[in-house]
Amino acid sequence: MVSNGVSRRPITPRGHNLLTKVVELINPSLGTWDEEMVRDVFWEEDVRYILATPTNSGHDDVVAWHFDRRGLFSVKSAYHVLNDEKHRVKPHQRGESSSGDRHEKQTGAVWRKLWKIPCPSKVRHFIWRLARNSLAVKMNMRRRGVLLDTRCPVCYRFDEDGGHCFLKCKMVRRCWSCLDLEPVRQML
């Protein structure tokens, strides 16, 4: 990252280069920038900022994630980068009805309610994965290339997917019924 307050990587005018670390741009005998190499590799706009950045020859070269104030990569910081990008590049409406927007707002409201449910976070995460069809049930594993028998291990009648496993299987329906939650199961 060039330290001019702009979070971006310097752009190299010559496309591909073999440099992979900052230390390769520093003169090893002097501990200062190899000015000729910096000028050969980067645009003049970036050269000013690079050469103005002090070098620290006593420190190890480390990978830094410039989207986090501590320079560390995390799933949270990557999520924020993607989310920021999504908001920056909002698609414009193309003559369609706005019912899709309404559905998106309703869906967003449902997810916000889900994340506020007072229960362990692993339960919220499980519900989210069930709704997004990403649990490791047999049909999803088959879809991902695992060769296996997809029949339900409880009833051996239907393929095991999220709906069958938690709502439709004969044995699961009995559980819902014994808990007096049959109306909830039907609603789901």
C-alpha atoms as a PDB file:
ATOM      1  CA  MET A   1       0.000   0.000   0.000  1.00  0.00           C
ATOM      2  CA  VAL A   2       1.276   3.428  -0.822  1.00  0.00           C
ATOM      3  CA  SER A   3       1.007   5.693   2.224  1.00  0.00           C
ATOM      4  CA  ASN A   4      -0.766   8.668   0.705  1.00  0.00           C
ATOM      5  CA  GLY A   5      -3.996   7.991   2.537  1.00  0.00           C
ATOM      6  CA  VAL A   6      -5.309   5.962  -0.399  1.00  0.00           C
ATOM      7  CA  SER A   7      -5.855   2.262   0.214  1.00  0.00           C
ATOM      8  CA  ARG A   8      -4.655   0.676  -2.966  1.00  0.00           C
ATOM      9  CA  ARG A   9      -1.705  -1.180  -4.329  1.00  0.00           C
ATOM     10  CA  PRO A  10       0.737   0.727  -6.500  1.00  0.00           C
ATOM     11  CA  ILE A  11       0.204  -0.018 -10.169  1.00  0.00           C
ATOM     12  CA  THR A  12       3.184  -1.249 -12.126  1.00  0.00           C
ATOM     13  CA  PRO A  13       3.245   0.217 -15.635  1.00  0.00           C
ATOM     14  CA  ARG A  14       5.002  -2.709 -17.193  1.00  0.00           C
ATOM     15  CA  GLY A  15       2.445  -5.293 -16.131  1.00  0.00           C
ATOM     16  CA  HIS A  16       4.035  -8.427 -14.689  1.00  0.00           C
ATOM     17  CA  ASN A  17       7.259  -8.254 -12.723  1.00  0.00           C
ATOM     18  CA  LEU A  18       9.221 -10.685 -10.605  1.00  0.00           C
ATOM     19  CA  LEU A  19       9.221  -8.612  -7.426  1.00  0.00           C
ATOM     20  CA  THR A  20       7.202 -10.150  -4.614  1.00  0.00           C
ATOM     21  CA  LYS A  21       8.462  -8.368  -1.482  1.00  0.00           C
ATOM     22  CA  VAL A  22       9.185  -4.805  -0.505  1.00  0.00           C
ATOM     23  CA  VAL A  23      12.677  -5.782   0.633  1.00  0.00           C
ATOM     24  CA  GLU A  24      13.562  -6.425  -3.014  1.00  0.00           C
ATOM     25  CA  LEU A  25      13.176  -2.665  -3.631  1.00  0.00           C
ATOM     26  CA  ILE A  26      15.673  -1.749  -0.897  1.00  0.00           C
ATOM     27  CA  ASN A  27      19.418  -1.432  -1.456  1.00  0.00           C
ATOM     28  CA  PRO A  28      20.868  -4.069   0.932  1.00  0.00           C
ATOM     29  CA  SER A  29      24.146  -2.249   1.551  1.00  0.00           C
ATOM     30  CA  LEU A  30      22.602   1.171   2.289  1.00  0.00           C
ATOM     31  CA  GLY A  31      19.239   0.153   3.738  1.00  0.00           C
ATOM     32  CA  THR A  32      17.488   2.798   1.597  1.00  0.00           C
ATOM     33  CA  TRP A  33      15.195   2.552  -1.395  1.00  0.00           C
ATOM     34  CA  ASP A  34      16.820   1.433  -4.652  1.00  0.00           C
ATOM     35  CA  GLU A  35      15.539   4.558  -6.356  1.00  0.00           C
ATOM     36  CA  GLU A  36      16.386   3.399  -9.878  1.00  0.00           C
ATOM     37  CA  MET A  37      14.477   0.131  -9.425  1.00  0.00           C
ATOM     38  CA  VAL A  38      11.473   1.899  -7.864  1.00  0.00           C
ATOM     39  CA  ARG A  39      11.352   4.312 -10.819  1.00  0.00           C
ATOM     40  CA  ASP A  40      11.654   1.408 -13.282  1.00  0.00           C
ATOM     41  CA  VAL A  41       8.815  -0.563 -11.711  1.00  0.00           C
ATOM     42  CA  PHE A  42       6.169   1.991 -10.641  1.00  0.00           C
ATOM     43  CA  TRP A  43       4.304   4.951 -12.095  1.00  0.00           C
ATOM     44  CA  GLU A  44       5.729   8.353 -11.187  1.00  0.00           C
ATOM     45  CA  GLU A  45       2.619   9.125  -9.117  1.00  0.00           C
ATOM     46  CA  ASP A  46       3.408   6.163  -6.842  1.00  0.00           C
ATOM     47  CA  VAL A  47       7.201   6.658  -6.901  1.00  0.00           C
ATOM     48  CA  ARG A  48       6.886   9.919  -4.919  1.00  0.00           C
ATOM     49  CA  TYR A  49       5.005   8.206  -2.107  1.00  0.00           C
ATOM     50  CA  ILE A  50       7.204   5.118  -2.078  1.00  0.00           C
ATOM     51  CA  LEU A  51      10.439   7.113  -1.883  1.00  0.00           C
ATOM     52  CA  ALA A  52       8.935   9.360   0.820  1.00  0.00           C
ATOM     53  CA  THR A  53       8.194   6.300   2.976  1.00  0.00           C
ATOM     54  CA  PRO A  54      11.018   5.653   5.468  1.00  0.00           C
ATOM     55  CA  THR A  55      12.648   2.228   5.352  1.00  0.00           C
ATOM     56  CA  ASN A  56      13.245   0.091   8.430  1.00  0.00           C
ATOM     57  CA  SER A  57      16.044  -2.322   7.690  1.00  0.00           C
ATOM     58  CA  GLY A  58      15.913  -3.841  11.186  1.00  0.00           C
ATOM     59  CA  HIS A  59      12.427  -5.347  10.727  1.00  0.00           C
ATOM     60  CA  ASP A  60      11.323  -8.552   9.037  1.00  0.00           C
ATOM     61  CA  ASP A  61       9.315  -8.295   5.840  1.00  0.00           C
ATOM     62  CA  VAL A  62       5.749  -9.414   6.576  1.00  0.00           C
ATOM     63  CA  VAL A  63       2.550  -9.745   4.601  1.00  0.00           C
ATOM     64  CA  ALA A  64       0.184  -6.899   5.464  1.00  0.00           C
ATOM     65  CA  TRP A  65      -3.545  -6.686   4.701  1.00  0.00           C
ATOM     66  CA  HIS A  66      -4.134  -3.046   3.917  1.00  0.00           C
ATOM     67  CA  PHE A  67      -7.904  -3.234   4.572  1.00  0.00           C
ATOM     68  CA  ASP A  68      -7.354  -3.700   8.317  1.00  0.00           C
ATOM     69  CA  ARG A  69      -5.929  -0.940  10.508  1.00  0.00           C
ATOM     70  CA  ARG A  70      -3.572  -3.438  12.168  1.00  0.00           C
ATOM     71  CA  GLY A  71      -2.492  -4.878   8.804  1.00  0.00           C
ATOM     72  CA  LEU A  72      -3.926  -8.315   9.642  1.00  0.00           C
ATOM     73  CA  PHE A  73      -6.197 -10.420   7.451  1.00  0.00           C
ATOM     74  CA  SER A  74      -9.408 -11.763   8.970  1.00  0.00           C
ATOM     75  CA  VAL A  75     -12.653 -13.109   7.575  1.00  0.00           C
ATOM     76  CA  LYS A  76     -14.344 -10.054   9.089  1.00  0.00           C
ATOM     77  CA  SER A  77     -12.061  -7.625   7.228  1.00  0.00           C
ATOM     78  CA  ALA A  78     -12.537  -9.557   3.968  1.00  0.00           C
ATOM     79  CA  TYR A  79     -16.317  -9.426   4.508  1.00  0.00           C
ATOM     80  CA  HIS A  80     -16.140  -5.647   4.957  1.00  0.00           C
ATOM     81  CA  VAL A  81     -14.118  -5.271   1.758  1.00  0.00           C
ATOM     82  CA  LEU A  82     -16.672  -7.305  -0.209  1.00  0.00           C
ATOM     83  CA  ASN A  83     -19.595  -5.523   1.423  1.00  0.00           C
ATOM     84  CA  ASP A  84     -18.092  -2.095   0.675  1.00  0.00           C
ATOM     85  CA  GLU A  85     -17.534  -3.143  -2.945  1.00  0.00           C
ATOM     86  CA  LYS A  86     -21.129  -4.357  -3.226  1.00  0.00           C
ATOM     87  CA  HIS A  87     -22.419  -0.968  -2.036  1.00  0.00           C
ATOM     88  CA  ARG A  88     -20.061   0.931  -4.342  1.00  0.00           C
ATOM     89  CA  VAL A  89     -21.161  -0.998  -7.420  1.00  0.00           C
ATOM     90  CA  LYS A  90     -24.917  -1.058  -6.844  1.00  0.00           C
ATOM     91  CA  PRO A  91     -26.701  -2.268  -9.993  1.00  0.00           C
ATOM     92  CA  HIS A  92     -29.108   0.206 -11.522  1.00  0.00           C
ATOM     93  CA  GLN A  93     -32.697  -0.818 -12.155  1.00  0.00           C
ATOM     94  CA  ARG A  94     -33.241  -1.953 -15.734  1.00  0.00           C
ATOM     95  CA  GLY A  95     -36.957  -1.406 -16.288  1.00  0.00           C
ATOM     96  CA  GLU A  96     -38.035  -4.269 -14.056  1.00  0.00           C
ATOM     97  CA  SER A  97     -40.640  -3.971 -11.354  1.00  0.00           C
ATOM     98  CA  SER A  98     -39.433  -3.085  -7.899  1.00  0.00           C
ATOM     99  CA  SER A  99     -40.923  -6.247  -6.383  1.00  0.00           C
ATOM    100  CA  GLY A 100     -37.423  -7.748  -6.406  1.00  0.00           C
ATOM    101  CA  ASP A 101     -36.247  -4.845  -4.252  1.00  0.00           C
ATOM    102  CA  ARG A 102     -39.125  -5.438  -1.852  1.00  0.00           C
ATOM    103  CA  HIS A 103     -38.276  -9.145  -1.650  1.00  0.00           C
ATOM    104  CA  GLU A 104     -34.621  -8.288  -0.995  1.00  0.00           C
ATOM    105  CA  LYS A 105     -35.612  -5.890   1.816  1.00  0.00           C
ATOM    106  CA  GLN A 106     -37.930  -8.489   3.359  1.00  0.00           C
ATOM    107  CA  THR A 107     -35.239 -11.161   3.143  1.00  0.00           C
ATOM    108  CA  GLY A 108     -32.736  -8.773   4.731  1.00  0.00           C
ATOM    109  CA  ALA A 109     -35.196  -8.074   7.541  1.00  0.00           C
ATOM    110  CA  VAL A 110     -35.604 -11.822   8.141  1.00  0.00           C
ATOM    111  CA  TRP A 111     -31.813 -12.323   8.348  1.00  0.00           C
ATOM    112  CA  ARG A 112     -31.457  -9.355  10.730  1.00  0.00           C
ATOM    113  CA  LYS A 113     -34.107 -10.925  12.986  1.00  0.00           C
ATOM    114  CA  LEU A 114     -32.329 -14.277  12.775  1.00  0.00           C
ATOM    115  CA  TRP A 115     -29.001 -12.823  13.938  1.00  0.00           C
ATOM    116  CA  LYS A 116     -30.747 -11.150  16.902  1.00  0.00           C
ATOM    117  CA  ILE A 117     -32.399 -14.338  18.232  1.00  0.00           C
ATOM    118  CA  PRO A 118     -31.282 -14.789  21.864  1.00  0.00           C
ATOM    119  CA  CYS A 119     -29.617 -18.178  21.519  1.00  0.00           C
ATOM    120  CA  PRO A 120     -26.067 -19.511  21.096  1.00  0.00           C
ATOM    121  CA  SER A 121     -24.415 -18.214  17.933  1.00  0.00           C
ATOM    122  CA  LYS A 122     -23.866 -21.786  16.714  1.00  0.00           C
ATOM    123  CA  VAL A 123     -27.663 -22.260  16.653  1.00  0.00           C
ATOM    124  CA  ARG A 124     -28.145 -19.068  14.597  1.00  0.00           C
ATOM    125  CA  HIS A 125     -25.367 -20.206  12.269  1.00  0.00           C
ATOM    126  CA  PHE A 126     -27.000 -23.641  11.909  1.00  0.00           C
ATOM    127  CA  ILE A 127     -30.386 -22.069  11.041  1.00  0.00           C
ATOM    128  CA  TRP A 128     -28.684 -19.813   8.486  1.00  0.00           C
ATOM    129  CA  ARG A 129     -26.891 -22.784   6.884  1.00  0.00           C
ATOM    130  CA  LEU A 130     -30.130 -24.790   6.807  1.00  0.00           C
ATOM    131  CA  ALA A 131     -31.940 -21.911   5.096  1.00  0.00           C
ATOM    132  CA  ARG A 132     -29.077 -21.397   2.614  1.00  0.00           C
ATOM    133  CA  ASN A 133     -28.911 -25.141   1.817  1.00  0.00           C
ATOM    134  CA  SER A 134     -25.285 -25.464   2.866  1.00  0.00           C
ATOM    135  CA  LEU A 135     -25.457 -28.165   5.542  1.00  0.00           C
ATOM    136  CA  ALA A 136     -23.457 -31.342   4.974  1.00  0.00           C
ATOM    137  CA  VAL A 137     -26.507 -33.458   4.170  1.00  0.00           C
ATOM    138  CA  LYS A 138     -26.107 -36.228   1.609  1.00  0.00           C
ATOM    139  CA  MET A 139     -27.649 -34.361  -1.334  1.00  0.00           C
ATOM    140  CA  ASN A 140     -25.294 -31.401  -0.821  1.00  0.00           C
ATOM    141  CA  MET A 141     -22.321 -33.722  -0.507  1.00  0.00           C
ATOM    142  CA  ARG A 142     -23.311 -35.445  -3.777  1.00  0.00           C
ATOM    143  CA  ARG A 143     -23.670 -32.036  -5.440  1.00  0.00           C
ATOM    144  CA  ARG A 144     -20.093 -31.291  -4.353  1.00  0.00           C
ATOM    145  CA  GLY A 145     -18.805 -34.441  -6.034  1.00  0.00           C
ATOM    146  CA  VAL A 146     -18.866 -37.027  -3.224  1.00  0.00           C
ATOM    147  CA  LEU A 147     -20.149 -40.347  -4.548  1.00  0.00           C
ATOM    148  CA  LEU A 148     -22.530 -41.828  -1.975  1.00  0.00           C
ATOM    149  CA  ASP A 149     -26.006 -43.233  -1.471  1.00  0.00           C
ATOM    150  CA  THR A 150     -28.189 -40.168  -0.911  1.00  0.00           C
ATOM    151  CA  ARG A 151     -31.092 -41.961   0.753  1.00  0.00           C
ATOM    152  CA  CYS A 152     -32.097 -40.888   4.255  1.00  0.00           C
ATOM    153  CA  PRO A 153     -30.357 -43.138   6.816  1.00  0.00           C
ATOM    154  CA  VAL A 154     -33.495 -43.097   9.001  1.00  0.00           C
ATOM    155  CA  CYS A 155     -36.313 -44.010   6.596  1.00  0.00           C
ATOM    156  CA  TYR A 156     -34.325 -45.165   3.489  1.00  0.00           C
ATOM    157  CA  ARG A 157     -37.163 -43.823   1.307  1.00  0.00           C
ATOM    158  CA  PHE A 158     -36.164 -40.352   0.094  1.00  0.00           C
ATOM    159  CA  ASP A 159     -33.014 -38.412  -0.627  1.00  0.00           C
ATOM    160  CA  GLU A 160     -31.542 -36.711   2.441  1.00  0.00           C
ATOM    161  CA  ASP A 161     -31.679 -32.951   1.956  1.00  0.00           C
ATOM    162  CA  GLY A 162     -32.261 -30.243   4.567  1.00  0.00           C
ATOM    163  CA  GLY A 163     -36.032 -30.232   4.120  1.00  0.00           C
ATOM    164  CA  HIS A 164     -36.346 -33.999   4.405  1.00  0.00           C
ATOM    165  CA  CYS A 165     -33.865 -34.321   7.265  1.00  0.00           C
ATOM    166  CA  PHE A 166     -35.496 -31.711   9.501  1.00  0.00           C
ATOM    167  CA  LEU A 167     -39.111 -31.431   8.340  1.00  0.00           C
ATOM    168  CA  LYS A 168     -40.371 -34.206   6.057  1.00  0.00           C
ATOM    169  CA  CYS A 169     -38.911 -37.532   7.201  1.00  0.00           C
ATOM    170  CA  LYS A 170     -41.524 -39.795   8.793  1.00  0.00           C
ATOM    171  CA  MET A 171     -39.505 -40.138  12.018  1.00  0.00           C
ATOM    172  CA  VAL A 172     -38.782 -36.400  12.226  1.00  0.00           C
ATOM    173  CA  ARG A 173     -42.476 -35.598  11.769  1.00  0.00           C
ATOM    174  CA  ARG A 174     -43.218 -37.837  14.764  1.00  0.00           C
ATOM    175  CA  CYS A 175     -40.712 -35.857  16.848  1.00  0.00           C
ATOM    176  CA  TRP A 176     -42.361 -32.551  15.892  1.00  0.00           C
ATOM    177  CA  SER A 177     -45.750 -34.063  16.743  1.00  0.00           C
ATOM    178  CA  CYS A 178     -44.598 -35.418  20.137  1.00  0.00           C
ATOM    179  CA  LEU A 179     -43.332 -31.928  20.998  1.00  0.00           C
ATOM    180  CA  ASP A 180     -46.727 -30.446  20.005  1.00  0.00           C
ATOM    181  CA  LEU A 181     -44.971 -28.430  17.282  1.00  0.00           C
ATOM    182  CA  GLU A 182     -46.747 -29.830  14.241  1.00  0.00           C
ATOM    183  CA  PRO A 183     -48.238 -26.401  13.290  1.00  0.00           C
ATOM    184  CA  VAL A 184     -44.716 -24.904  13.394  1.00  0.00           C
ATOM    185  CA  ARG A 185     -43.356 -27.743  11.220  1.00  0.00           C
ATOM    186  CA  GLN A 186     -46.116 -27.179   8.664  1.00  0.00           C
ATOM    187  CA  MET A 187     -45.447 -23.461   8.634  1.00  0.00           C
ATOM    188  CA  LEU A 188     -41.733 -24.096   8.003  1.00  0.00           C
END
